[in-house]
Amino acid sequence: MAELDQRLDRLEAGLPGFAAKAVSSLRQPRAVWLRIPIALLFIGGGFLGFLPILGFWMLPVGVLLLAHDVPVILRPALRALSWTERSWSQMKSRLTRKA
């Protein structure tokens, strides 16, 4: 859980102020009753990502929120987050080399 918190701290630092504040409040232990329904709504919205407004981006966000409370999801969520961070840094380095 500590590894997930560290990674989410880094992600939260890169978010705009209003989004960082929302993520920070959802990560609080007292927000479990709010976090789980919101995570399930995000996951459901991710499956409907082909519709306007909803998007496939909602699925991983919901899984990350749910990983706080469902230990079975924690390890796959951390692996996916590691892959995303590696891919993002590789893409950024390729773009800076071309520029």
N, C-alpha and C. Protein backbone atom coordinates (compact mmCIF):
# COMPACT_ATOMS: atom_id res chain seq x y z
N MET A 1 0.82 -1.20 0.00
CA MET A 1 0.00 0.00 0.00
C MET A 1 0.86 1.25 0.00
N ALA A 2 2.02 1.16 0.65
CA ALA A 2 2.91 2.33 0.71
C ALA A 2 3.42 2.68 -0.68
N GLU A 3 3.70 1.65 -1.50
CA GLU A 3 4.18 1.91 -2.86
C GLU A 3 3.10 2.61 -3.69
N LEU A 4 1.86 2.17 -3.54
CA LEU A 4 0.76 2.81 -4.25
C LEU A 4 0.62 4.26 -3.81
N ASP A 5 0.74 4.51 -2.51
CA ASP A 5 0.64 5.88 -2.01
C ASP A 5 1.75 6.78 -2.58
N GLN A 6 2.97 6.25 -2.65
CA GLN A 6 4.08 7.04 -3.20
C GLN A 6 3.84 7.38 -4.66
N ARG A 7 3.39 6.40 -5.43
CA ARG A 7 3.15 6.64 -6.84
C ARG A 7 1.99 7.60 -7.05
N LEU A 8 0.94 7.45 -6.25
CA LEU A 8 -0.19 8.36 -6.37
C LEU A 8 0.18 9.78 -5.93
N ASP A 9 1.09 9.89 -4.97
CA ASP A 9 1.59 11.21 -4.57
C ASP A 9 2.27 11.90 -5.75
N ARG A 10 3.10 11.14 -6.49
CA ARG A 10 3.78 11.72 -7.66
C ARG A 10 2.77 12.13 -8.73
N LEU A 11 1.78 11.27 -8.97
CA LEU A 11 0.77 11.60 -9.96
C LEU A 11 -0.05 12.81 -9.53
N GLU A 12 -0.39 12.85 -8.26
CA GLU A 12 -1.18 13.96 -7.72
C GLU A 12 -0.43 15.29 -7.85
N ALA A 13 0.88 15.24 -7.70
CA ALA A 13 1.68 16.46 -7.79
C ALA A 13 1.63 17.06 -9.20
N GLY A 14 1.39 16.23 -10.21
CA GLY A 14 1.33 16.73 -11.56
C GLY A 14 -0.05 17.16 -12.02
N LEU A 15 -1.05 17.02 -11.16
CA LEU A 15 -2.41 17.39 -11.53
C LEU A 15 -2.68 18.86 -11.27
N PRO A 16 -3.65 19.43 -11.98
CA PRO A 16 -4.05 20.81 -11.67
C PRO A 16 -4.63 20.88 -10.25
N GLY A 17 -4.67 22.06 -9.68
CA GLY A 17 -5.07 22.25 -8.28
C GLY A 17 -6.39 21.61 -7.89
N PHE A 18 -7.45 21.84 -8.67
CA PHE A 18 -8.76 21.31 -8.30
C PHE A 18 -8.77 19.78 -8.36
N ALA A 19 -8.08 19.19 -9.34
CA ALA A 19 -8.04 17.73 -9.46
C ALA A 19 -7.18 17.12 -8.36
N ALA A 20 -6.07 17.77 -8.03
CA ALA A 20 -5.20 17.27 -6.96
C ALA A 20 -5.94 17.28 -5.62
N LYS A 21 -6.72 18.32 -5.40
CA LYS A 21 -7.47 18.42 -4.15
C LYS A 21 -8.53 17.32 -4.07
N ALA A 22 -9.21 17.03 -5.19
CA ALA A 22 -10.23 15.98 -5.22
C ALA A 22 -9.60 14.62 -4.98
N VAL A 23 -8.48 14.36 -5.63
CA VAL A 23 -7.80 13.06 -5.46
C VAL A 23 -7.30 12.92 -4.03
N SER A 24 -6.75 13.99 -3.49
CA SER A 24 -6.26 13.96 -2.11
C SER A 24 -7.38 13.65 -1.13
N SER A 25 -8.53 14.25 -1.31
CA SER A 25 -9.63 13.99 -0.38
C SER A 25 -10.18 12.57 -0.55
N LEU A 26 -10.17 12.04 -1.77
CA LEU A 26 -10.64 10.67 -1.98
C LEU A 26 -9.68 9.63 -1.42
N ARG A 27 -8.43 10.00 -1.29
CA ARG A 27 -7.42 9.05 -0.78
C ARG A 27 -7.42 8.96 0.75
N GLN A 28 -8.12 9.85 1.42
CA GLN A 28 -8.18 9.82 2.89
C GLN A 28 -8.90 8.56 3.36
N PRO A 29 -8.47 7.96 4.46
CA PRO A 29 -9.13 6.73 4.96
C PRO A 29 -10.61 6.92 5.26
N ARG A 30 -11.02 8.08 5.68
CA ARG A 30 -12.42 8.30 6.03
C ARG A 30 -13.32 8.36 4.80
N ALA A 31 -12.73 8.45 3.61
CA ALA A 31 -13.51 8.58 2.37
C ALA A 31 -13.84 7.23 1.73
N VAL A 32 -13.67 6.14 2.47
CA VAL A 32 -13.88 4.81 1.89
C VAL A 32 -15.31 4.65 1.36
N TRP A 33 -16.29 5.22 2.05
CA TRP A 33 -17.68 5.07 1.61
C TRP A 33 -18.00 5.92 0.39
N LEU A 34 -17.17 6.86 0.10
CA LEU A 34 -17.31 7.65 -1.11
C LEU A 34 -16.43 7.10 -2.24
N ARG A 35 -15.25 6.62 -1.85
CA ARG A 35 -14.27 6.14 -2.82
C ARG A 35 -14.76 4.92 -3.60
N ILE A 36 -15.35 3.95 -2.92
CA ILE A 36 -15.77 2.72 -3.58
C ILE A 36 -16.88 2.97 -4.61
N PRO A 37 -17.95 3.69 -4.27
CA PRO A 37 -18.96 3.95 -5.32
C PRO A 37 -18.42 4.78 -6.48
N ILE A 38 -17.55 5.74 -6.20
CA ILE A 38 -16.97 6.54 -7.28
C ILE A 38 -16.09 5.67 -8.16
N ALA A 39 -15.31 4.78 -7.55
CA ALA A 39 -14.47 3.87 -8.33
C ALA A 39 -15.32 2.98 -9.23
N LEU A 40 -16.42 2.46 -8.71
CA LEU A 40 -17.29 1.61 -9.51
C LEU A 40 -17.95 2.40 -10.64
N LEU A 41 -18.29 3.66 -10.39
CA LEU A 41 -18.85 4.50 -11.45
C LEU A 41 -17.81 4.78 -12.54
N PHE A 42 -16.58 5.02 -12.14
CA PHE A 42 -15.52 5.23 -13.12
C PHE A 42 -15.30 3.97 -13.96
N ILE A 43 -15.29 2.82 -13.32
CA ILE A 43 -15.10 1.56 -14.05
C ILE A 43 -16.25 1.35 -15.03
N GLY A 44 -17.47 1.58 -14.58
CA GLY A 44 -18.62 1.45 -15.47
C GLY A 44 -18.55 2.44 -16.62
N GLY A 45 -18.14 3.67 -16.33
CA GLY A 45 -17.98 4.67 -17.39
C GLY A 45 -16.88 4.31 -18.37
N GLY A 46 -15.86 3.62 -17.89
CA GLY A 46 -14.79 3.18 -18.77
C GLY A 46 -15.26 2.14 -19.77
N PHE A 47 -16.19 1.28 -19.35
CA PHE A 47 -16.73 0.29 -20.28
C PHE A 47 -17.65 0.94 -21.31
N LEU A 48 -18.13 2.13 -21.01
CA LEU A 48 -18.97 2.86 -21.95
C LEU A 48 -18.19 3.97 -22.64
N GLY A 49 -16.90 3.79 -22.74
CA GLY A 49 -16.00 4.82 -23.25
C GLY A 49 -16.22 5.20 -24.69
N PHE A 50 -16.92 4.38 -25.44
CA PHE A 50 -17.18 4.72 -26.83
C PHE A 50 -18.24 5.81 -26.96
N LEU A 51 -18.93 6.11 -25.87
CA LEU A 51 -19.95 7.17 -25.89
C LEU A 51 -19.28 8.53 -25.67
N PRO A 52 -19.92 9.60 -26.15
CA PRO A 52 -19.37 10.94 -25.90
C PRO A 52 -19.32 11.23 -24.39
N ILE A 53 -18.40 12.04 -23.98
CA ILE A 53 -18.16 12.49 -22.61
C ILE A 53 -17.46 11.42 -21.78
N LEU A 54 -17.99 10.20 -21.78
CA LEU A 54 -17.32 9.12 -21.06
C LEU A 54 -16.10 8.71 -21.87
N GLY A 55 -15.15 8.09 -21.21
CA GLY A 55 -13.94 7.71 -21.93
C GLY A 55 -13.30 6.48 -21.34
N PHE A 56 -12.48 5.84 -22.15
CA PHE A 56 -11.78 4.65 -21.68
C PHE A 56 -10.78 4.98 -20.58
N TRP A 57 -10.41 6.24 -20.43
CA TRP A 57 -9.51 6.67 -19.37
C TRP A 57 -10.12 6.45 -17.99
N MET A 58 -11.43 6.33 -17.93
CA MET A 58 -12.11 6.18 -16.64
C MET A 58 -11.85 4.81 -16.01
N LEU A 59 -11.61 3.80 -16.81
CA LEU A 59 -11.39 2.44 -16.30
C LEU A 59 -10.16 2.34 -15.40
N PRO A 60 -8.97 2.77 -15.85
CA PRO A 60 -7.82 2.67 -14.94
C PRO A 60 -7.92 3.56 -13.71
N VAL A 61 -8.57 4.71 -13.85
CA VAL A 61 -8.74 5.59 -12.69
C VAL A 61 -9.60 4.89 -11.64
N GLY A 62 -10.68 4.25 -12.08
CA GLY A 62 -11.54 3.51 -11.16
C GLY A 62 -10.81 2.36 -10.49
N VAL A 63 -9.99 1.65 -11.26
CA VAL A 63 -9.23 0.52 -10.69
C VAL A 63 -8.24 1.02 -9.65
N LEU A 64 -7.58 2.14 -9.93
CA LEU A 64 -6.64 2.69 -8.94
C LEU A 64 -7.36 3.12 -7.66
N LEU A 65 -8.52 3.70 -7.80
CA LEU A 65 -9.29 4.08 -6.61
C LEU A 65 -9.72 2.84 -5.83
N LEU A 66 -10.13 1.82 -6.53
CA LEU A 66 -10.59 0.60 -5.88
C LEU A 66 -9.43 -0.18 -5.24
N ALA A 67 -8.22 -0.02 -5.77
CA ALA A 67 -7.05 -0.73 -5.24
C ALA A 67 -6.76 -0.33 -3.79
N HIS A 68 -7.21 0.84 -3.38
CA HIS A 68 -7.02 1.27 -1.99
C HIS A 68 -7.76 0.35 -1.03
N ASP A 69 -8.88 -0.20 -1.46
CA ASP A 69 -9.75 -0.92 -0.55
C ASP A 69 -9.88 -2.41 -0.85
N VAL A 70 -9.44 -2.85 -2.00
CA VAL A 70 -9.54 -4.27 -2.38
C VAL A 70 -8.11 -4.77 -2.63
N PRO A 71 -7.53 -5.51 -1.67
CA PRO A 71 -6.13 -5.92 -1.77
C PRO A 71 -5.81 -6.77 -3.00
N VAL A 72 -6.77 -7.51 -3.52
CA VAL A 72 -6.53 -8.37 -4.67
C VAL A 72 -6.17 -7.53 -5.91
N ILE A 73 -6.68 -6.33 -5.98
CA ILE A 73 -6.45 -5.46 -7.14
C ILE A 73 -5.14 -4.69 -7.02
N LEU A 74 -4.57 -4.63 -5.83
CA LEU A 74 -3.41 -3.79 -5.60
C LEU A 74 -2.22 -4.16 -6.48
N ARG A 75 -1.84 -5.42 -6.52
CA ARG A 75 -0.65 -5.83 -7.29
C ARG A 75 -0.83 -5.57 -8.79
N PRO A 76 -1.96 -5.99 -9.41
CA PRO A 76 -2.11 -5.67 -10.84
C PRO A 76 -2.15 -4.16 -11.11
N ALA A 77 -2.74 -3.41 -10.20
CA ALA A 77 -2.79 -1.96 -10.38
C ALA A 77 -1.39 -1.35 -10.33
N LEU A 78 -0.55 -1.85 -9.42
CA LEU A 78 0.82 -1.36 -9.34
C LEU A 78 1.62 -1.72 -10.59
N ARG A 79 1.41 -2.92 -11.11
CA ARG A 79 2.11 -3.32 -12.35
C ARG A 79 1.68 -2.42 -13.50
N ALA A 80 0.39 -2.18 -13.61
CA ALA A 80 -0.12 -1.32 -14.69
C ALA A 80 0.41 0.10 -14.54
N LEU A 81 0.48 0.58 -13.32
CA LEU A 81 0.98 1.93 -13.07
C LEU A 81 2.47 2.01 -13.41
N SER A 82 3.23 0.97 -13.08
CA SER A 82 4.66 0.93 -13.43
C SER A 82 4.84 0.96 -14.95
N TRP A 83 4.05 0.16 -15.65
CA TRP A 83 4.13 0.12 -17.10
C TRP A 83 3.80 1.49 -17.69
N THR A 84 2.76 2.13 -17.15
CA THR A 84 2.35 3.44 -17.65
C THR A 84 3.44 4.48 -17.43
N GLU A 85 4.05 4.46 -16.25
CA GLU A 85 5.12 5.41 -15.96
C GLU A 85 6.31 5.20 -16.88
N ARG A 86 6.69 3.93 -17.10
CA ARG A 86 7.81 3.64 -18.01
C ARG A 86 7.49 4.09 -19.43
N SER A 87 6.31 3.76 -19.90
CA SER A 87 5.91 4.13 -21.26
C SER A 87 5.89 5.64 -21.43
N TRP A 88 5.36 6.33 -20.44
CA TRP A 88 5.28 7.79 -20.51
C TRP A 88 6.67 8.42 -20.55
N SER A 89 7.58 7.93 -19.70
CA SER A 89 8.93 8.51 -19.70
C SER A 89 9.67 8.20 -21.00
N GLN A 90 9.46 7.00 -21.56
CA GLN A 90 10.09 6.68 -22.85
C GLN A 90 9.54 7.57 -23.95
N MET A 91 8.24 7.80 -23.95
CA MET A 91 7.65 8.64 -24.98
C MET A 91 8.14 10.08 -24.86
N LYS A 92 8.24 10.57 -23.62
CA LYS A 92 8.73 11.93 -23.42
C LYS A 92 10.17 12.07 -23.89
N SER A 93 11.00 11.05 -23.60
CA SER A 93 12.41 11.14 -24.02
C SER A 93 12.52 11.08 -25.54
N ARG A 94 11.69 10.29 -26.22
CA ARG A 94 11.70 10.23 -27.68
C ARG A 94 11.28 11.57 -28.27
N LEU A 95 10.28 12.19 -27.67
CA LEU A 95 9.80 13.47 -28.19
C LEU A 95 10.83 14.58 -27.99
N THR A 96 11.54 14.57 -26.87
CA THR A 96 12.54 15.61 -26.64
C THR A 96 13.75 15.41 -27.53
N ARG A 97 14.09 14.17 -27.89
CA ARG A 97 15.20 13.93 -28.81
C ARG A 97 14.88 14.42 -30.21
N LYS A 98 13.62 14.30 -30.63
CA LYS A 98 13.22 14.74 -31.97
C LYS A 98 13.12 16.25 -32.07
N ALA A 99 12.87 16.92 -30.98
CA ALA A 99 12.66 18.37 -31.02
C ALA A 99 13.93 19.15 -31.05
